[in-house]
Amino acid sequence: MDILYFAWVRERIGVPRETVTTEAKTVNELVQELIAKEERYAAAFADISALRVALDQDLSDFDAPLDGVREVAFFPPMTGG
C-alpha cells in the first residue's frame, strides 16, 4: 500500500511517500501501526483531529476499512481562497 504525506505531515515524517505492508483493517489501525514504528510518526499523528485522509483519492474518515485500498493520503484540512 502506498502512503502519501502532505504539508506539515510530510515535514514531520520526513518523506513525501512510502510503500508499506500492513495488517491494518482500518485507517485508525494503520495510524497505530505507523505510530509504533518511530517517534516521527507519533509526532505527525499526535492529533488526528487535525488531519484528513483520502483513500484512493476519495476523502474518507479514520474508521474506514482498508480492504482493497491501494493508496492512503494524509493531509491537514484545506481552505479555499
PDB file of N, CA and C in Angstrom:
ATOM      1  N   MET A   1       0.848  -1.158   0.000  1.00  0.00           N
ATOM      2  CA  MET A   1       0.000   0.000   0.000  1.00  0.00           C
ATOM      3  C   MET A   1       0.899   1.228   0.000  1.00  0.00           C
ATOM      4  N   ASP A   2       0.556   2.206  -0.818  1.00  0.00           N
ATOM      5  CA  ASP A   2       1.297   3.467  -0.854  1.00  0.00           C
ATOM      6  C   ASP A   2       0.659   4.441   0.127  1.00  0.00           C
ATOM      7  N   ILE A   3       1.505   5.136   0.876  1.00  0.00           N
ATOM      8  CA  ILE A   3       1.031   6.164   1.788  1.00  0.00           C
ATOM      9  C   ILE A   3       1.675   7.475   1.372  1.00  0.00           C
ATOM     10  N   LEU A   4       0.846   8.498   1.212  1.00  0.00           N
ATOM     11  CA  LEU A   4       1.306   9.826   0.825  1.00  0.00           C
ATOM     12  C   LEU A   4       1.116  10.774   1.998  1.00  0.00           C
ATOM     13  N   TYR A   5       2.073  11.680   2.176  1.00  0.00           N
ATOM     14  CA  TYR A   5       2.025  12.663   3.248  1.00  0.00           C
ATOM     15  C   TYR A   5       2.153  14.052   2.632  1.00  0.00           C
ATOM     16  N   PHE A   6       1.321  14.981   3.091  1.00  0.00           N
ATOM     17  CA  PHE A   6       1.328  16.332   2.541  1.00  0.00           C
ATOM     18  C   PHE A   6       1.504  17.378   3.641  1.00  0.00           C
ATOM     19  N   ALA A   7       2.060  18.523   3.238  1.00  0.00           N
ATOM     20  CA  ALA A   7       2.223  19.705   4.092  1.00  0.00           C
ATOM     21  C   ALA A   7       3.026  19.352   5.349  1.00  0.00           C
ATOM     22  N   TRP A   8       2.557  19.794   6.535  1.00  0.00           N
ATOM     23  CA  TRP A   8       3.331  19.579   7.762  1.00  0.00           C
ATOM     24  C   TRP A   8       3.415  18.109   8.156  1.00  0.00           C
ATOM     25  N   VAL A   9       2.510  17.280   7.664  1.00  0.00           N
ATOM     26  CA  VAL A   9       2.608  15.841   7.938  1.00  0.00           C
ATOM     27  C   VAL A   9       3.881  15.300   7.282  1.00  0.00           C
ATOM     28  N   ARG A  10       4.098  15.685   6.032  1.00  0.00           N
ATOM     29  CA  ARG A  10       5.307  15.286   5.308  1.00  0.00           C
ATOM     30  C   ARG A  10       6.556  15.814   6.001  1.00  0.00           C
ATOM     31  N   GLU A  11       6.492  17.058   6.482  1.00  0.00           N
ATOM     32  CA  GLU A  11       7.652  17.648   7.156  1.00  0.00           C
ATOM     33  C   GLU A  11       8.009  16.880   8.429  1.00  0.00           C
ATOM     34  N   ARG A  12       7.013  16.480   9.199  1.00  0.00           N
ATOM     35  CA  ARG A  12       7.286  15.760  10.449  1.00  0.00           C
ATOM     36  C   ARG A  12       7.785  14.345  10.203  1.00  0.00           C
ATOM     37  N   ILE A  13       7.256  13.693   9.170  1.00  0.00           N
ATOM     38  CA  ILE A  13       7.664  12.309   8.891  1.00  0.00           C
ATOM     39  C   ILE A  13       8.963  12.269   8.097  1.00  0.00           C
ATOM     40  N   GLY A  14       9.170  13.266   7.239  1.00  0.00           N
ATOM     41  CA  GLY A  14      10.438  13.371   6.531  1.00  0.00           C
ATOM     42  C   GLY A  14      10.468  12.781   5.141  1.00  0.00           C
ATOM     43  N   VAL A  15       9.353  12.214   4.701  1.00  0.00           N
ATOM     44  CA  VAL A  15       9.268  11.676   3.336  1.00  0.00           C
ATOM     45  C   VAL A  15       7.891  12.018   2.759  1.00  0.00           C
ATOM     46  N   PRO A  16       7.805  12.213   1.438  1.00  0.00           N
ATOM     47  CA  PRO A  16       6.507  12.517   0.840  1.00  0.00           C
ATOM     48  C   PRO A  16       5.628  11.279   0.612  1.00  0.00           C
ATOM     49  N   ARG A  17       6.278  10.115   0.517  1.00  0.00           N
ATOM     50  CA  ARG A  17       5.516   8.884   0.272  1.00  0.00           C
ATOM     51  C   ARG A  17       6.346   7.691   0.687  1.00  0.00           C
ATOM     52  N   GLU A  18       5.646   6.599   0.955  1.00  0.00           N
ATOM     53  CA  GLU A  18       6.320   5.336   1.231  1.00  0.00           C
ATOM     54  C   GLU A  18       5.359   4.201   0.910  1.00  0.00           C
ATOM     55  N   THR A  19       5.922   3.041   0.721  1.00  0.00           N
ATOM     56  CA  THR A  19       5.135   1.838   0.499  1.00  0.00           C
ATOM     57  C   THR A  19       5.281   0.962   1.731  1.00  0.00           C
ATOM     58  N   VAL A  20       4.142   0.524   2.284  1.00  0.00           N
ATOM     59  CA  VAL A  20       4.170  -0.292   3.497  1.00  0.00           C
ATOM     60  C   VAL A  20       3.356  -1.558   3.293  1.00  0.00           C
ATOM     61  N   THR A  21       3.727  -2.569   4.037  1.00  0.00           N
ATOM     62  CA  THR A  21       2.925  -3.780   4.148  1.00  0.00           C
ATOM     63  C   THR A  21       2.241  -3.689   5.504  1.00  0.00           C
ATOM     64  N   THR A  22       0.934  -3.899   5.523  1.00  0.00           N
ATOM     65  CA  THR A  22       0.198  -3.707   6.756  1.00  0.00           C
ATOM     66  C   THR A  22      -0.838  -4.801   6.975  1.00  0.00           C
ATOM     67  N   GLU A  23      -1.114  -5.051   8.220  1.00  0.00           N
ATOM     68  CA  GLU A  23      -2.195  -5.956   8.616  1.00  0.00           C
ATOM     69  C   GLU A  23      -3.421  -5.157   9.053  1.00  0.00           C
ATOM     70  N   ALA A  24      -3.345  -3.834   8.992  1.00  0.00           N
ATOM     71  CA  ALA A  24      -4.420  -2.959   9.464  1.00  0.00           C
ATOM     72  C   ALA A  24      -5.700  -3.178   8.661  1.00  0.00           C
ATOM     73  N   LYS A  25      -6.806  -3.160   9.371  1.00  0.00           N
ATOM     74  CA  LYS A  25      -8.123  -3.309   8.741  1.00  0.00           C
ATOM     75  C   LYS A  25      -8.785  -1.961   8.497  1.00  0.00           C
ATOM     76  N   THR A  26      -8.383  -0.932   9.268  1.00  0.00           N
ATOM     77  CA  THR A  26      -8.957   0.408   9.135  1.00  0.00           C
ATOM     78  C   THR A  26      -7.834   1.435   9.101  1.00  0.00           C
ATOM     79  N   VAL A  27      -8.188   2.661   8.742  1.00  0.00           N
ATOM     80  CA  VAL A  27      -7.211   3.745   8.752  1.00  0.00           C
ATOM     81  C   VAL A  27      -6.670   3.938  10.173  1.00  0.00           C
ATOM     82  N   ASN A  28      -7.544   3.906  11.176  1.00  0.00           N
ATOM     83  CA  ASN A  28      -7.085   4.050  12.557  1.00  0.00           C
ATOM     84  C   ASN A  28      -6.033   3.007  12.912  1.00  0.00           C
ATOM     85  N   GLU A  29      -6.244   1.778  12.515  1.00  0.00           N
ATOM     86  CA  GLU A  29      -5.265   0.717  12.796  1.00  0.00           C
ATOM     87  C   GLU A  29      -3.949   0.984  12.074  1.00  0.00           C
ATOM     88  N   LEU A  30      -4.026   1.481  10.851  1.00  0.00           N
ATOM     89  CA  LEU A  30      -2.817   1.831  10.104  1.00  0.00           C
ATOM     90  C   LEU A  30      -2.042   2.923  10.839  1.00  0.00           C
ATOM     91  N   VAL A  31      -2.751   3.942  11.299  1.00  0.00           N
ATOM     92  CA  VAL A  31      -2.102   5.022  12.043  1.00  0.00           C
ATOM     93  C   VAL A  31      -1.405   4.463  13.281  1.00  0.00           C
ATOM     94  N   GLN A  32      -2.055   3.563  14.004  1.00  0.00           N
ATOM     95  CA  GLN A  32      -1.446   2.972  15.194  1.00  0.00           C
ATOM     96  C   GLN A  32      -0.190   2.174  14.841  1.00  0.00           C
ATOM     97  N   GLU A  33      -0.215   1.454  13.727  1.00  0.00           N
ATOM     98  CA  GLU A  33       0.986   0.725  13.272  1.00  0.00           C
ATOM     99  C   GLU A  33       2.122   1.691  12.971  1.00  0.00           C
ATOM    100  N   LEU A  34       1.804   2.799  12.296  1.00  0.00           N
ATOM    101  CA  LEU A  34       2.831   3.780  11.954  1.00  0.00           C
ATOM    102  C   LEU A  34       3.407   4.423  13.207  1.00  0.00           C
ATOM    103  N   ILE A  35       2.539   4.803  14.148  1.00  0.00           N
ATOM    104  CA  ILE A  35       2.995   5.415  15.401  1.00  0.00           C
ATOM    105  C   ILE A  35       3.958   4.483  16.136  1.00  0.00           C
ATOM    106  N   ALA A  36       3.681   3.192  16.094  1.00  0.00           N
ATOM    107  CA  ALA A  36       4.526   2.220  16.790  1.00  0.00           C
ATOM    108  C   ALA A  36       5.903   2.069  16.133  1.00  0.00           C
ATOM    109  N   LYS A  37       6.030   2.467  14.850  1.00  0.00           N
ATOM    110  CA  LYS A  37       7.299   2.322  14.137  1.00  0.00           C
ATOM    111  C   LYS A  37       8.383   3.250  14.658  1.00  0.00           C
ATOM    112  N   GLU A  38       8.058   4.550  14.728  1.00  0.00           N
ATOM    113  CA  GLU A  38       9.078   5.554  15.056  1.00  0.00           C
ATOM    114  C   GLU A  38       8.436   6.798  15.650  1.00  0.00           C
ATOM    115  N   GLU A  39       9.227   7.543  16.378  1.00  0.00           N
ATOM    116  CA  GLU A  39       8.759   8.772  17.022  1.00  0.00           C
ATOM    117  C   GLU A  39       8.243   9.804  16.018  1.00  0.00           C
ATOM    118  N   ARG A  40       8.851   9.871  14.843  1.00  0.00           N
ATOM    119  CA  ARG A  40       8.410  10.873  13.858  1.00  0.00           C
ATOM    120  C   ARG A  40       6.958  10.664  13.462  1.00  0.00           C
ATOM    121  N   TYR A  41       6.507   9.418  13.423  1.00  0.00           N
ATOM    122  CA  TYR A  41       5.104   9.144  13.116  1.00  0.00           C
ATOM    123  C   TYR A  41       4.215   9.556  14.285  1.00  0.00           C
ATOM    124  N   ALA A  42       4.689   9.302  15.496  1.00  0.00           N
ATOM    125  CA  ALA A  42       3.929   9.711  16.680  1.00  0.00           C
ATOM    126  C   ALA A  42       3.732  11.226  16.678  1.00  0.00           C
ATOM    127  N   ALA A  43       4.757  11.965  16.270  1.00  0.00           N
ATOM    128  CA  ALA A  43       4.646  13.421  16.199  1.00  0.00           C
ATOM    129  C   ALA A  43       3.643  13.849  15.128  1.00  0.00           C
ATOM    130  N   ALA A  44       3.678  13.201  14.001  1.00  0.00           N
ATOM    131  CA  ALA A  44       2.785  13.566  12.903  1.00  0.00           C
ATOM    132  C   ALA A  44       1.325  13.223  13.205  1.00  0.00           C
ATOM    133  N   PHE A  45       1.111  12.122  13.918  1.00  0.00           N
ATOM    134  CA  PHE A  45      -0.256  11.666  14.178  1.00  0.00           C
ATOM    135  C   PHE A  45      -0.694  11.913  15.624  1.00  0.00           C
ATOM    136  N   ALA A  46      -0.043  12.840  16.314  1.00  0.00           N
ATOM    137  CA  ALA A  46      -0.365  13.114  17.713  1.00  0.00           C
ATOM    138  C   ALA A  46      -1.809  13.583  17.888  1.00  0.00           C
ATOM    139  N   ASP A  47      -2.341  14.297  16.910  1.00  0.00           N
ATOM    140  CA  ASP A  47      -3.716  14.803  16.976  1.00  0.00           C
ATOM    141  C   ASP A  47      -4.396  14.555  15.638  1.00  0.00           C
ATOM    142  N   ILE A  48      -4.998  13.370  15.484  1.00  0.00           N
ATOM    143  CA  ILE A  48      -5.593  13.045  14.177  1.00  0.00           C
ATOM    144  C   ILE A  48      -6.826  13.891  13.878  1.00  0.00           C
ATOM    145  N   SER A  49      -7.362  14.596  14.885  1.00  0.00           N
ATOM    146  CA  SER A  49      -8.486  15.502  14.595  1.00  0.00           C
ATOM    147  C   SER A  49      -8.020  16.674  13.728  1.00  0.00           C
ATOM    148  N   ALA A  50      -6.709  16.888  13.658  1.00  0.00           N
ATOM    149  CA  ALA A  50      -6.139  17.949  12.831  1.00  0.00           C
ATOM    150  C   ALA A  50      -5.748  17.438  11.451  1.00  0.00           C
ATOM    151  N   LEU A  51      -6.147  16.214  11.113  1.00  0.00           N
ATOM    152  CA  LEU A  51      -5.787  15.604   9.831  1.00  0.00           C
ATOM    153  C   LEU A  51      -7.014  15.179   9.050  1.00  0.00           C
ATOM    154  N   ARG A  52      -6.819  15.063   7.765  1.00  0.00           N
ATOM    155  CA  ARG A  52      -7.811  14.473   6.868  1.00  0.00           C
ATOM    156  C   ARG A  52      -7.134  13.293   6.194  1.00  0.00           C
ATOM    157  N   VAL A  53      -7.970  12.388   5.659  1.00  0.00           N
ATOM    158  CA  VAL A  53      -7.442  11.211   4.983  1.00  0.00           C
ATOM    159  C   VAL A  53      -8.231  10.974   3.705  1.00  0.00           C
ATOM    160  N   ALA A  54      -7.515  10.525   2.680  1.00  0.00           N
ATOM    161  CA  ALA A  54      -8.152  10.128   1.426  1.00  0.00           C
ATOM    162  C   ALA A  54      -7.700   8.714   1.094  1.00  0.00           C
ATOM    163  N   LEU A  55      -8.643   7.911   0.669  1.00  0.00           N
ATOM    164  CA  LEU A  55      -8.361   6.530   0.246  1.00  0.00           C
ATOM    165  C   LEU A  55      -8.580   6.443  -1.250  1.00  0.00           C
ATOM    166  N   ASP A  56      -7.542   6.087  -1.969  1.00  0.00           N
ATOM    167  CA  ASP A  56      -7.586   6.059  -3.436  1.00  0.00           C
ATOM    168  C   ASP A  56      -8.200   7.344  -3.989  1.00  0.00           C
ATOM    169  N   GLN A  57      -7.756   8.473  -3.437  1.00  0.00           N
ATOM    170  CA  GLN A  57      -8.094   9.832  -3.853  1.00  0.00           C
ATOM    171  C   GLN A  57      -9.532  10.242  -3.547  1.00  0.00           C
ATOM    172  N   ASP A  58     -10.218   9.518  -2.666  1.00  0.00           N
ATOM    173  CA  ASP A  58     -11.553   9.905  -2.209  1.00  0.00           C
ATOM    174  C   ASP A  58     -11.482  10.222  -0.720  1.00  0.00           C
ATOM    175  N   LEU A  59     -11.994  11.399  -0.332  1.00  0.00           N
ATOM    176  CA  LEU A  59     -11.998  11.752   1.083  1.00  0.00           C
ATOM    177  C   LEU A  59     -12.718  10.681   1.877  1.00  0.00           C
ATOM    178  N   SER A  60     -12.191  10.397   3.032  1.00  0.00           N
ATOM    179  CA  SER A  60     -12.741   9.334   3.860  1.00  0.00           C
ATOM    180  C   SER A  60     -12.599   9.722   5.321  1.00  0.00           C
ATOM    181  N   ASP A  61     -12.823   8.752   6.218  1.00  0.00           N
ATOM    182  CA  ASP A  61     -12.613   9.011   7.638  1.00  0.00           C
ATOM    183  C   ASP A  61     -11.704   7.933   8.218  1.00  0.00           C
ATOM    184  N   PHE A  62     -11.303   8.138   9.445  1.00  0.00           N
ATOM    185  CA  PHE A  62     -10.317   7.254  10.058  1.00  0.00           C
ATOM    186  C   PHE A  62     -10.880   5.899  10.464  1.00  0.00           C
ATOM    187  N   ASP A  63     -12.201   5.748  10.438  1.00  0.00           N
ATOM    188  CA  ASP A  63     -12.821   4.448  10.722  1.00  0.00           C
ATOM    189  C   ASP A  63     -13.012   3.609   9.456  1.00  0.00           C
ATOM    190  N   ALA A  64     -12.661   4.169   8.313  1.00  0.00           N
ATOM    191  CA  ALA A  64     -12.903   3.495   7.032  1.00  0.00           C
ATOM    192  C   ALA A  64     -12.052   2.230   6.892  1.00  0.00           C
ATOM    193  N   PRO A  65     -12.637   1.197   6.284  1.00  0.00           N
ATOM    194  CA  PRO A  65     -11.877  -0.034   6.050  1.00  0.00           C
ATOM    195  C   PRO A  65     -10.832   0.159   4.953  1.00  0.00           C
ATOM    196  N   LEU A  66      -9.758  -0.606   5.049  1.00  0.00           N
ATOM    197  CA  LEU A  66      -8.675  -0.533   4.069  1.00  0.00           C
ATOM    198  C   LEU A  66      -8.717  -1.651   3.033  1.00  0.00           C
ATOM    199  N   ASP A  67      -9.694  -2.508   3.118  1.00  0.00           N
ATOM    200  CA  ASP A  67      -9.801  -3.637   2.200  1.00  0.00           C
ATOM    201  C   ASP A  67      -9.814  -3.151   0.744  1.00  0.00           C
ATOM    202  N   GLY A  68      -8.823  -3.550  -0.033  1.00  0.00           N
ATOM    203  CA  GLY A  68      -8.739  -3.191  -1.446  1.00  0.00           C
ATOM    204  C   GLY A  68      -8.139  -1.827  -1.717  1.00  0.00           C
ATOM    205  N   VAL A  69      -7.814  -1.061  -0.691  1.00  0.00           N
ATOM    206  CA  VAL A  69      -7.249   0.278  -0.877  1.00  0.00           C
ATOM    207  C   VAL A  69      -5.790   0.159  -1.310  1.00  0.00           C
ATOM    208  N   ARG A  70      -5.429   0.940  -2.317  1.00  0.00           N
ATOM    209  CA  ARG A  70      -4.053   0.937  -2.822  1.00  0.00           C
ATOM    210  C   ARG A  70      -3.251   2.143  -2.355  1.00  0.00           C
ATOM    211  N   GLU A  71      -3.969   3.263  -2.062  1.00  0.00           N
ATOM    212  CA  GLU A  71      -3.280   4.494  -1.697  1.00  0.00           C
ATOM    213  C   GLU A  71      -4.012   5.205  -0.559  1.00  0.00           C
ATOM    214  N   VAL A  72      -3.249   5.597   0.460  1.00  0.00           N
ATOM    215  CA  VAL A  72      -3.780   6.369   1.589  1.00  0.00           C
ATOM    216  C   VAL A  72      -3.004   7.678   1.623  1.00  0.00           C
ATOM    217  N   ALA A  73      -3.721   8.786   1.712  1.00  0.00           N
ATOM    218  CA  ALA A  73      -3.074  10.096   1.783  1.00  0.00           C
ATOM    219  C   ALA A  73      -3.499  10.805   3.060  1.00  0.00           C
ATOM    220  N   PHE A  74      -2.521  11.363   3.766  1.00  0.00           N
ATOM    221  CA  PHE A  74      -2.780  12.129   4.985  1.00  0.00           C
ATOM    222  C   PHE A  74      -2.403  13.572   4.734  1.00  0.00           C
ATOM    223  N   PHE A  75      -3.265  14.518   5.169  1.00  0.00           N
ATOM    224  CA  PHE A  75      -3.012  15.927   4.932  1.00  0.00           C
ATOM    225  C   PHE A  75      -3.829  16.762   5.917  1.00  0.00           C
ATOM    226  N   PRO A  76      -3.394  18.001   6.163  1.00  0.00           N
ATOM    227  CA  PRO A  76      -4.178  18.889   7.022  1.00  0.00           C
ATOM    228  C   PRO A  76      -5.408  19.396   6.272  1.00  0.00           C
ATOM    229  N   PRO A  77      -6.405  19.874   7.002  1.00  0.00           N
ATOM    230  CA  PRO A  77      -7.590  20.436   6.321  1.00  0.00           C
ATOM    231  C   PRO A  77      -7.177  21.568   5.383  1.00  0.00           C
ATOM    232  N   MET A  78      -7.889  21.681   4.298  1.00  0.00           N
ATOM    233  CA  MET A  78      -7.593  22.704   3.304  1.00  0.00           C
ATOM    234  C   MET A  78      -8.664  23.801   3.385  1.00  0.00           C
ATOM    235  N   THR A  79      -8.262  25.009   3.048  1.00  0.00           N
ATOM    236  CA  THR A  79      -9.239  26.091   2.945  1.00  0.00           C
ATOM    237  C   THR A  79      -9.130  26.683   1.557  1.00  0.00           C
ATOM    238  N   GLY A  80     -10.214  27.166   1.069  1.00  0.00           N
ATOM    239  CA  GLY A  80     -10.238  27.784  -0.257  1.00  0.00           C
ATOM    240  C   GLY A  80      -9.824  29.243  -0.163  1.00  0.00           C
ATOM    241  N   GLY A  81      -9.647  29.837  -1.326  1.00  0.00           N
ATOM    242  CA  GLY A  81      -9.276  31.247  -1.287  1.00  0.00           C
ATOM    243  C   GLY A  81      -9.014  31.786  -2.642  1.00  0.00           C
TER     244      GLY A  81
END
